[in-house]
């Protein structure tokens, strides 16, 4: 959540939906390896 908010001037732009999406991605080892 903190890292996603870091990409915006206003942290509120990082919606829960967006944070959840990134969280889901980073919980997958194959996806993280590619990233």
ModelCIF file with pLDDT and N, C-alpha, C, O atoms, coordinates in Angstrom:
data_MODEL
#
_entry.id   MODEL 
#
_entity.id                         1 
_entity.type                       polymer 
_entity.pdbx_number_of_molecules   1 
#
_entity_poly.entity_id                      1 
_entity_poly.type                           'polypeptide(L)' 
_entity_poly.nstd_linkage                   no 
_entity_poly.nstd_monomer                   no 
_entity_poly.pdbx_seq_one_letter_code       
;(UNK)(UNK)(UNK)(UNK)(UNK)(UNK)(UNK)(UNK)(UNK)(UNK)(UNK)(UNK)(UNK)(UNK)(UNK)(UNK)
(UNK)(UNK)(UNK)(UNK)(UNK)(UNK)(UNK)(UNK)(UNK)(UNK)(UNK)(UNK)(UNK)(UNK)(UNK)(UNK)
(UNK)(UNK)(UNK)
;
_entity_poly.pdbx_seq_one_letter_code_can   XXXXXXXXXXXXXXXXXXXXXXXXXXXXXXXXXXX 
_entity_poly.pdbx_strand_id                 A 
#
loop_
_entity_poly_seq.entity_id 
_entity_poly_seq.num 
_entity_poly_seq.mon_id 
_entity_poly_seq.hetero 
1 1  UNK n 
1 2  UNK n 
1 3  UNK n 
1 4  UNK n 
1 5  UNK n 
1 6  UNK n 
1 7  UNK n 
1 8  UNK n 
1 9  UNK n 
1 10 UNK n 
1 11 UNK n 
1 12 UNK n 
1 13 UNK n 
1 14 UNK n 
1 15 UNK n 
1 16 UNK n 
1 17 UNK n 
1 18 UNK n 
1 19 UNK n 
1 20 UNK n 
1 21 UNK n 
1 22 UNK n 
1 23 UNK n 
1 24 UNK n 
1 25 UNK n 
1 26 UNK n 
1 27 UNK n 
1 28 UNK n 
1 29 UNK n 
1 30 UNK n 
1 31 UNK n 
1 32 UNK n 
1 33 UNK n 
1 34 UNK n 
1 35 UNK n 
#
_struct_asym.id          A 
_struct_asym.entity_id   1 
#
loop_
_ma_qa_metric.id 
_ma_qa_metric.mode 
_ma_qa_metric.name 
_ma_qa_metric.software_group_id 
_ma_qa_metric.type 
1 global pLDDT . pLDDT 
2 local  pLDDT . pLDDT 
#
_ma_qa_metric_global.metric_id      1 
_ma_qa_metric_global.metric_value   89.00 
_ma_qa_metric_global.model_id       1 
_ma_qa_metric_global.ordinal_id     1 
#
loop_
_ma_qa_metric_local.label_asym_id 
_ma_qa_metric_local.label_comp_id 
_ma_qa_metric_local.label_seq_id 
_ma_qa_metric_local.metric_id 
_ma_qa_metric_local.metric_value 
_ma_qa_metric_local.model_id 
_ma_qa_metric_local.ordinal_id 
A UNK 1  2 90.00 1 1  
A UNK 2  2 89.00 1 2  
A UNK 3  2 85.00 1 3  
A UNK 4  2 88.00 1 4  
A UNK 5  2 89.00 1 5  
A UNK 6  2 89.00 1 6  
A UNK 7  2 89.00 1 7  
A UNK 8  2 93.00 1 8  
A UNK 9  2 94.00 1 9  
A UNK 10 2 93.00 1 10 
A UNK 11 2 90.00 1 11 
A UNK 12 2 89.00 1 12 
A UNK 13 2 88.00 1 13 
A UNK 14 2 87.00 1 14 
A UNK 15 2 87.00 1 15 
A UNK 16 2 90.00 1 16 
A UNK 17 2 87.00 1 17 
A UNK 18 2 87.00 1 18 
A UNK 19 2 90.00 1 19 
A UNK 20 2 90.00 1 20 
A UNK 21 2 87.00 1 21 
A UNK 22 2 88.00 1 22 
A UNK 23 2 89.00 1 23 
A UNK 24 2 89.00 1 24 
A UNK 25 2 87.00 1 25 
A UNK 26 2 86.00 1 26 
A UNK 27 2 88.00 1 27 
A UNK 28 2 88.00 1 28 
A UNK 29 2 89.00 1 29 
A UNK 30 2 90.00 1 30 
A UNK 31 2 90.00 1 31 
A UNK 32 2 88.00 1 32 
A UNK 33 2 91.00 1 33 
A UNK 34 2 91.00 1 34 
A UNK 35 2 90.00 1 35 
#
loop_
_atom_site.group_PDB 
_atom_site.id 
_atom_site.type_symbol 
_atom_site.label_atom_id 
_atom_site.label_alt_id 
_atom_site.label_comp_id 
_atom_site.label_asym_id 
_atom_site.label_entity_id 
_atom_site.label_seq_id 
_atom_site.pdbx_PDB_ins_code 
_atom_site.Cartn_x 
_atom_site.Cartn_y 
_atom_site.Cartn_z 
_atom_site.occupancy 
_atom_site.B_iso_or_equiv 
_atom_site.pdbx_formal_charge 
_atom_site.auth_seq_id 
_atom_site.auth_comp_id 
_atom_site.auth_asym_id 
_atom_site.auth_atom_id 
_atom_site.pdbx_PDB_model_num 
ATOM 1   N N  . UNK A 1 1  ? 0.842  -1.213  0.000   1.00 90.00 ? 1  UNK A N  1 
ATOM 2   C CA . UNK A 1 1  ? 0.000  0.000   0.000   1.00 90.00 ? 1  UNK A CA 1 
ATOM 3   C C  . UNK A 1 1  ? 0.871  1.255   0.000   1.00 90.00 ? 1  UNK A C  1 
ATOM 4   O O  . UNK A 1 1  ? 0.613  2.201   -0.744  1.00 90.00 ? 1  UNK A O  1 
ATOM 5   N N  . UNK A 1 2  ? 1.894  1.252   0.834   1.00 89.00 ? 2  UNK A N  1 
ATOM 6   C CA . UNK A 1 2  ? 2.806  2.402   0.930   1.00 89.00 ? 2  UNK A CA 1 
ATOM 7   C C  . UNK A 1 2  ? 3.548  2.629   -0.387  1.00 89.00 ? 2  UNK A C  1 
ATOM 8   O O  . UNK A 1 2  ? 3.718  3.767   -0.825  1.00 89.00 ? 2  UNK A O  1 
ATOM 9   N N  . UNK A 1 3  ? 3.992  1.525   -1.019  1.00 85.00 ? 3  UNK A N  1 
ATOM 10  C CA . UNK A 1 3  ? 4.738  1.648   -2.275  1.00 85.00 ? 3  UNK A CA 1 
ATOM 11  C C  . UNK A 1 3  ? 3.846  2.132   -3.425  1.00 85.00 ? 3  UNK A C  1 
ATOM 12  O O  . UNK A 1 3  ? 4.284  2.912   -4.271  1.00 85.00 ? 3  UNK A O  1 
ATOM 13  N N  . UNK A 1 4  ? 2.602  1.668   -3.447  1.00 88.00 ? 4  UNK A N  1 
ATOM 14  C CA . UNK A 1 4  ? 1.680  2.121   -4.489  1.00 88.00 ? 4  UNK A CA 1 
ATOM 15  C C  . UNK A 1 4  ? 1.365  3.604   -4.291  1.00 88.00 ? 4  UNK A C  1 
ATOM 16  O O  . UNK A 1 4  ? 1.335  4.375   -5.250  1.00 88.00 ? 4  UNK A O  1 
ATOM 17  N N  . UNK A 1 5  ? 1.131  3.994   -3.040  1.00 89.00 ? 5  UNK A N  1 
ATOM 18  C CA . UNK A 1 5  ? 0.852  5.414   -2.737  1.00 89.00 ? 5  UNK A CA 1 
ATOM 19  C C  . UNK A 1 5  ? 2.041  6.300   -3.104  1.00 89.00 ? 5  UNK A C  1 
ATOM 20  O O  . UNK A 1 5  ? 1.867  7.462   -3.471  1.00 89.00 ? 5  UNK A O  1 
ATOM 21  N N  . UNK A 1 6  ? 3.237  5.750   -3.003  1.00 89.00 ? 6  UNK A N  1 
ATOM 22  C CA . UNK A 1 6  ? 4.476  6.490   -3.310  1.00 89.00 ? 6  UNK A CA 1 
ATOM 23  C C  . UNK A 1 6  ? 4.517  6.975   -4.754  1.00 89.00 ? 6  UNK A C  1 
ATOM 24  O O  . UNK A 1 6  ? 5.227  7.929   -5.072  1.00 89.00 ? 6  UNK A O  1 
ATOM 25  N N  . UNK A 1 7  ? 3.757  6.317   -5.630  1.00 89.00 ? 7  UNK A N  1 
ATOM 26  C CA . UNK A 1 7  ? 3.771  6.693   -7.051  1.00 89.00 ? 7  UNK A CA 1 
ATOM 27  C C  . UNK A 1 7  ? 2.803  7.831   -7.370  1.00 89.00 ? 7  UNK A C  1 
ATOM 28  O O  . UNK A 1 7  ? 2.713  8.267   -8.517  1.00 89.00 ? 7  UNK A O  1 
ATOM 29  N N  . UNK A 1 8  ? 2.073  8.317   -6.348  1.00 93.00 ? 8  UNK A N  1 
ATOM 30  C CA . UNK A 1 8  ? 1.114  9.398   -6.562  1.00 93.00 ? 8  UNK A CA 1 
ATOM 31  C C  . UNK A 1 8  ? 1.404  10.582  -5.644  1.00 93.00 ? 8  UNK A C  1 
ATOM 32  O O  . UNK A 1 8  ? 1.877  10.400  -4.522  1.00 93.00 ? 8  UNK A O  1 
ATOM 33  N N  . UNK A 1 9  ? 1.123  11.785  -6.118  1.00 94.00 ? 9  UNK A N  1 
ATOM 34  C CA . UNK A 1 9  ? 1.266  12.986  -5.287  1.00 94.00 ? 9  UNK A CA 1 
ATOM 35  C C  . UNK A 1 9  ? 0.258  12.936  -4.145  1.00 94.00 ? 9  UNK A C  1 
ATOM 36  O O  . UNK A 1 9  ? 0.591  13.201  -2.990  1.00 94.00 ? 9  UNK A O  1 
ATOM 37  N N  . UNK A 1 10 ? -0.984 12.588  -4.490  1.00 93.00 ? 10 UNK A N  1 
ATOM 38  C CA . UNK A 1 10 ? -2.031 12.428  -3.485  1.00 93.00 ? 10 UNK A CA 1 
ATOM 39  C C  . UNK A 1 10 ? -2.216 10.937  -3.233  1.00 93.00 ? 10 UNK A C  1 
ATOM 40  O O  . UNK A 1 10 ? -2.708 10.220  -4.104  1.00 93.00 ? 10 UNK A O  1 
ATOM 41  N N  . UNK A 1 11 ? -1.827 10.459  -2.045  1.00 90.00 ? 11 UNK A N  1 
ATOM 42  C CA . UNK A 1 11 ? -1.919 9.013   -1.756  1.00 90.00 ? 11 UNK A CA 1 
ATOM 43  C C  . UNK A 1 11 ? -3.323 8.439   -1.958  1.00 90.00 ? 11 UNK A C  1 
ATOM 44  O O  . UNK A 1 11 ? -3.473 7.241   -2.201  1.00 90.00 ? 11 UNK A O  1 
ATOM 45  N N  . UNK A 1 12 ? -4.355 9.293   -1.859  1.00 89.00 ? 12 UNK A N  1 
ATOM 46  C CA . UNK A 1 12 ? -5.731 8.820   -2.019  1.00 89.00 ? 12 UNK A CA 1 
ATOM 47  C C  . UNK A 1 12 ? -6.005 8.331   -3.444  1.00 89.00 ? 12 UNK A C  1 
ATOM 48  O O  . UNK A 1 12 ? -6.977 7.613   -3.679  1.00 89.00 ? 12 UNK A O  1 
ATOM 49  N N  . UNK A 1 13 ? -5.151 8.720   -4.390  1.00 88.00 ? 13 UNK A N  1 
ATOM 50  C CA . UNK A 1 13 ? -5.305 8.242   -5.773  1.00 88.00 ? 13 UNK A CA 1 
ATOM 51  C C  . UNK A 1 13 ? -5.104 6.732   -5.834  1.00 88.00 ? 13 UNK A C  1 
ATOM 52  O O  . UNK A 1 13 ? -5.644 6.064   -6.716  1.00 88.00 ? 13 UNK A O  1 
ATOM 53  N N  . UNK A 1 14 ? -4.327 6.199   -4.898  1.00 87.00 ? 14 UNK A N  1 
ATOM 54  C CA . UNK A 1 14 ? -4.103 4.744   -4.827  1.00 87.00 ? 14 UNK A CA 1 
ATOM 55  C C  . UNK A 1 14 ? -5.315 4.096   -4.189  1.00 87.00 ? 14 UNK A C  1 
ATOM 56  O O  . UNK A 1 14 ? -5.349 3.889   -2.976  1.00 87.00 ? 14 UNK A O  1 
ATOM 57  N N  . UNK A 1 15 ? -6.305 3.776   -5.001  1.00 87.00 ? 15 UNK A N  1 
ATOM 58  C CA . UNK A 1 15 ? -7.543 3.175   -4.506  1.00 87.00 ? 15 UNK A CA 1 
ATOM 59  C C  . UNK A 1 15 ? -7.274 1.790   -3.914  1.00 87.00 ? 15 UNK A C  1 
ATOM 60  O O  . UNK A 1 15 ? -6.261 1.158   -4.215  1.00 87.00 ? 15 UNK A O  1 
ATOM 61  N N  . UNK A 1 16 ? -8.188 1.336   -3.078  1.00 90.00 ? 16 UNK A N  1 
ATOM 62  C CA . UNK A 1 16 ? -8.059 -0.002  -2.499  1.00 90.00 ? 16 UNK A CA 1 
ATOM 63  C C  . UNK A 1 16 ? -8.017 -1.054  -3.606  1.00 90.00 ? 16 UNK A C  1 
ATOM 64  O O  . UNK A 1 16 ? -7.290 -2.043  -3.507  1.00 90.00 ? 16 UNK A O  1 
ATOM 65  N N  . UNK A 1 17 ? -8.801 -0.832  -4.657  1.00 87.00 ? 17 UNK A N  1 
ATOM 66  C CA . UNK A 1 17 ? -8.820 -1.762  -5.789  1.00 87.00 ? 17 UNK A CA 1 
ATOM 67  C C  . UNK A 1 17 ? -7.445 -1.875  -6.430  1.00 87.00 ? 17 UNK A C  1 
ATOM 68  O O  . UNK A 1 17 ? -6.997 -2.970  -6.770  1.00 87.00 ? 17 UNK A O  1 
ATOM 69  N N  . UNK A 1 18 ? -6.771 -0.725  -6.595  1.00 87.00 ? 18 UNK A N  1 
ATOM 70  C CA . UNK A 1 18 ? -5.429 -0.718  -7.188  1.00 87.00 ? 18 UNK A CA 1 
ATOM 71  C C  . UNK A 1 18 ? -4.425 -1.406  -6.266  1.00 87.00 ? 18 UNK A C  1 
ATOM 72  O O  . UNK A 1 18 ? -3.615 -2.215  -6.717  1.00 87.00 ? 18 UNK A O  1 
ATOM 73  N N  . UNK A 1 19 ? -4.480 -1.083  -4.979  1.00 90.00 ? 19 UNK A N  1 
ATOM 74  C CA . UNK A 1 19 ? -3.559 -1.705  -4.015  1.00 90.00 ? 19 UNK A CA 1 
ATOM 75  C C  . UNK A 1 19 ? -3.782 -3.216  -3.964  1.00 90.00 ? 19 UNK A C  1 
ATOM 76  O O  . UNK A 1 19 ? -2.824 -3.990  -3.940  1.00 90.00 ? 19 UNK A O  1 
ATOM 77  N N  . UNK A 1 20 ? -5.047 -3.629  -3.947  1.00 90.00 ? 20 UNK A N  1 
ATOM 78  C CA . UNK A 1 20 ? -5.374 -5.062  -3.929  1.00 90.00 ? 20 UNK A CA 1 
ATOM 79  C C  . UNK A 1 20 ? -4.811 -5.772  -5.158  1.00 90.00 ? 20 UNK A C  1 
ATOM 80  O O  . UNK A 1 20 ? -4.312 -6.893  -5.071  1.00 90.00 ? 20 UNK A O  1 
ATOM 81  N N  . UNK A 1 21 ? -4.901 -5.098  -6.304  1.00 87.00 ? 21 UNK A N  1 
ATOM 82  C CA . UNK A 1 21 ? -4.416 -5.682  -7.557  1.00 87.00 ? 21 UNK A CA 1 
ATOM 83  C C  . UNK A 1 21 ? -2.907 -5.908  -7.502  1.00 87.00 ? 21 UNK A C  1 
ATOM 84  O O  . UNK A 1 21 ? -2.416 -6.969  -7.887  1.00 87.00 ? 21 UNK A O  1 
ATOM 85  N N  . UNK A 1 22 ? -2.170 -4.893  -7.017  1.00 88.00 ? 22 UNK A N  1 
ATOM 86  C CA . UNK A 1 22 ? -0.712 -5.018  -6.905  1.00 88.00 ? 22 UNK A CA 1 
ATOM 87  C C  . UNK A 1 22 ? -0.345 -6.055  -5.845  1.00 88.00 ? 22 UNK A C  1 
ATOM 88  O O  . UNK A 1 22 ? 0.605  -6.817  -6.020  1.00 88.00 ? 22 UNK A O  1 
ATOM 89  N N  . UNK A 1 23 ? -1.098 -6.082  -4.750  1.00 89.00 ? 23 UNK A N  1 
ATOM 90  C CA . UNK A 1 23 ? -0.851 -7.060  -3.685  1.00 89.00 ? 23 UNK A CA 1 
ATOM 91  C C  . UNK A 1 23 ? -1.003 -8.480  -4.220  1.00 89.00 ? 23 UNK A C  1 
ATOM 92  O O  . UNK A 1 23 ? -0.197 -9.359  -3.915  1.00 89.00 ? 23 UNK A O  1 
ATOM 93  N N  . UNK A 1 24 ? -2.050 -8.693  -5.023  1.00 89.00 ? 24 UNK A N  1 
ATOM 94  C CA . UNK A 1 24 ? -2.283 -10.022 -5.613  1.00 89.00 ? 24 UNK A CA 1 
ATOM 95  C C  . UNK A 1 24 ? -1.114 -10.419 -6.520  1.00 89.00 ? 24 UNK A C  1 
ATOM 96  O O  . UNK A 1 24 ? -0.667 -11.566 -6.502  1.00 89.00 ? 24 UNK A O  1 
ATOM 97  N N  . UNK A 1 25 ? -0.631 -9.470  -7.302  1.00 87.00 ? 25 UNK A N  1 
ATOM 98  C CA . UNK A 1 25 ? 0.496  -9.725  -8.211  1.00 87.00 ? 25 UNK A CA 1 
ATOM 99  C C  . UNK A 1 25 ? 1.739  -10.127 -7.416  1.00 87.00 ? 25 UNK A C  1 
ATOM 100 O O  . UNK A 1 25 ? 2.418  -11.099 -7.749  1.00 87.00 ? 25 UNK A O  1 
ATOM 101 N N  . UNK A 1 26 ? 2.025  -9.360  -6.357  1.00 86.00 ? 26 UNK A N  1 
ATOM 102 C CA . UNK A 1 26 ? 3.257  -9.599  -5.597  1.00 86.00 ? 26 UNK A CA 1 
ATOM 103 C C  . UNK A 1 26 ? 3.187  -10.847 -4.724  1.00 86.00 ? 26 UNK A C  1 
ATOM 104 O O  . UNK A 1 26 ? 4.206  -11.270 -4.178  1.00 86.00 ? 26 UNK A O  1 
ATOM 105 N N  . UNK A 1 27 ? 2.004  -11.442 -4.584  1.00 88.00 ? 27 UNK A N  1 
ATOM 106 C CA . UNK A 1 27 ? 1.878  -12.689 -3.827  1.00 88.00 ? 27 UNK A CA 1 
ATOM 107 C C  . UNK A 1 27 ? 2.128  -13.923 -4.687  1.00 88.00 ? 27 UNK A C  1 
ATOM 108 O O  . UNK A 1 27 ? 2.122  -15.048 -4.189  1.00 88.00 ? 27 UNK A O  1 
ATOM 109 N N  . UNK A 1 28 ? 2.344  -13.705 -5.969  1.00 88.00 ? 28 UNK A N  1 
ATOM 110 C CA . UNK A 1 28 ? 2.627  -14.815 -6.878  1.00 88.00 ? 28 UNK A CA 1 
ATOM 111 C C  . UNK A 1 28 ? 4.125  -14.854 -7.181  1.00 88.00 ? 28 UNK A C  1 
ATOM 112 O O  . UNK A 1 28 ? 4.660  -13.928 -7.790  1.00 88.00 ? 28 UNK A O  1 
ATOM 113 N N  . UNK A 1 29 ? 4.801  -15.920 -6.759  1.00 89.00 ? 29 UNK A N  1 
ATOM 114 C CA . UNK A 1 29 ? 6.252  -16.018 -6.997  1.00 89.00 ? 29 UNK A CA 1 
ATOM 115 C C  . UNK A 1 29 ? 6.602  -15.938 -8.480  1.00 89.00 ? 29 UNK A C  1 
ATOM 116 O O  . UNK A 1 29 ? 7.525  -15.201 -8.826  1.00 89.00 ? 29 UNK A O  1 
ATOM 117 N N  . UNK A 1 30 ? 5.906  -16.665 -9.393  1.00 90.00 ? 30 UNK A N  1 
ATOM 118 C CA . UNK A 1 30 ? 6.237  -16.547 -10.819 1.00 90.00 ? 30 UNK A CA 1 
ATOM 119 C C  . UNK A 1 30 ? 6.096  -15.117 -11.351 1.00 90.00 ? 30 UNK A C  1 
ATOM 120 O O  . UNK A 1 30 ? 6.910  -14.671 -12.160 1.00 90.00 ? 30 UNK A O  1 
ATOM 121 N N  . UNK A 1 31 ? 5.060  -14.399 -10.894 1.00 90.00 ? 31 UNK A N  1 
ATOM 122 C CA . UNK A 1 31 ? 4.870  -13.010 -11.344 1.00 90.00 ? 31 UNK A CA 1 
ATOM 123 C C  . UNK A 1 31 ? 5.975  -12.103 -10.819 1.00 90.00 ? 31 UNK A C  1 
ATOM 124 O O  . UNK A 1 31 ? 6.500  -11.263 -11.549 1.00 90.00 ? 31 UNK A O  1 
ATOM 125 N N  . UNK A 1 32 ? 6.324  -12.279 -9.550  1.00 88.00 ? 32 UNK A N  1 
ATOM 126 C CA . UNK A 1 32 ? 7.385  -11.463 -8.944  1.00 88.00 ? 32 UNK A CA 1 
ATOM 127 C C  . UNK A 1 32 ? 8.721  -11.693 -9.651  1.00 88.00 ? 32 UNK A C  1 
ATOM 128 O O  . UNK A 1 32 ? 9.474  -10.748 -9.886  1.00 88.00 ? 32 UNK A O  1 
ATOM 129 N N  . UNK A 1 33 ? 9.012  -12.948 -9.986  1.00 91.00 ? 33 UNK A N  1 
ATOM 130 C CA . UNK A 1 33 ? 10.258 -13.246 -10.696 1.00 91.00 ? 33 UNK A CA 1 
ATOM 131 C C  . UNK A 1 33 ? 10.332 -12.505 -12.035 1.00 91.00 ? 33 UNK A C  1 
ATOM 132 O O  . UNK A 1 33 ? 11.385 -11.997 -12.418 1.00 91.00 ? 33 UNK A O  1 
ATOM 133 N N  . UNK A 1 34 ? 9.206  -12.455 -12.732 1.00 91.00 ? 34 UNK A N  1 
ATOM 134 C CA . UNK A 1 34 ? 9.163  -11.736 -14.006 1.00 91.00 ? 34 UNK A CA 1 
ATOM 135 C C  . UNK A 1 34 ? 9.293  -10.231 -13.808 1.00 91.00 ? 34 UNK A C  1 
ATOM 136 O O  . UNK A 1 34 ? 9.992  -9.556  -14.564 1.00 91.00 ? 34 UNK A O  1 
ATOM 137 N N  . UNK A 1 35 ? 8.623  -9.714  -12.796 1.00 90.00 ? 35 UNK A N  1 
ATOM 138 C CA . UNK A 1 35 ? 8.701  -8.281  -12.496 1.00 90.00 ? 35 UNK A CA 1 
ATOM 139 C C  . UNK A 1 35 ? 10.139 -7.879  -12.185 1.00 90.00 ? 35 UNK A C  1 
ATOM 140 O O  . UNK A 1 35 ? 10.407 -6.710  -11.908 1.00 90.00 ? 35 UNK A O  1 
#
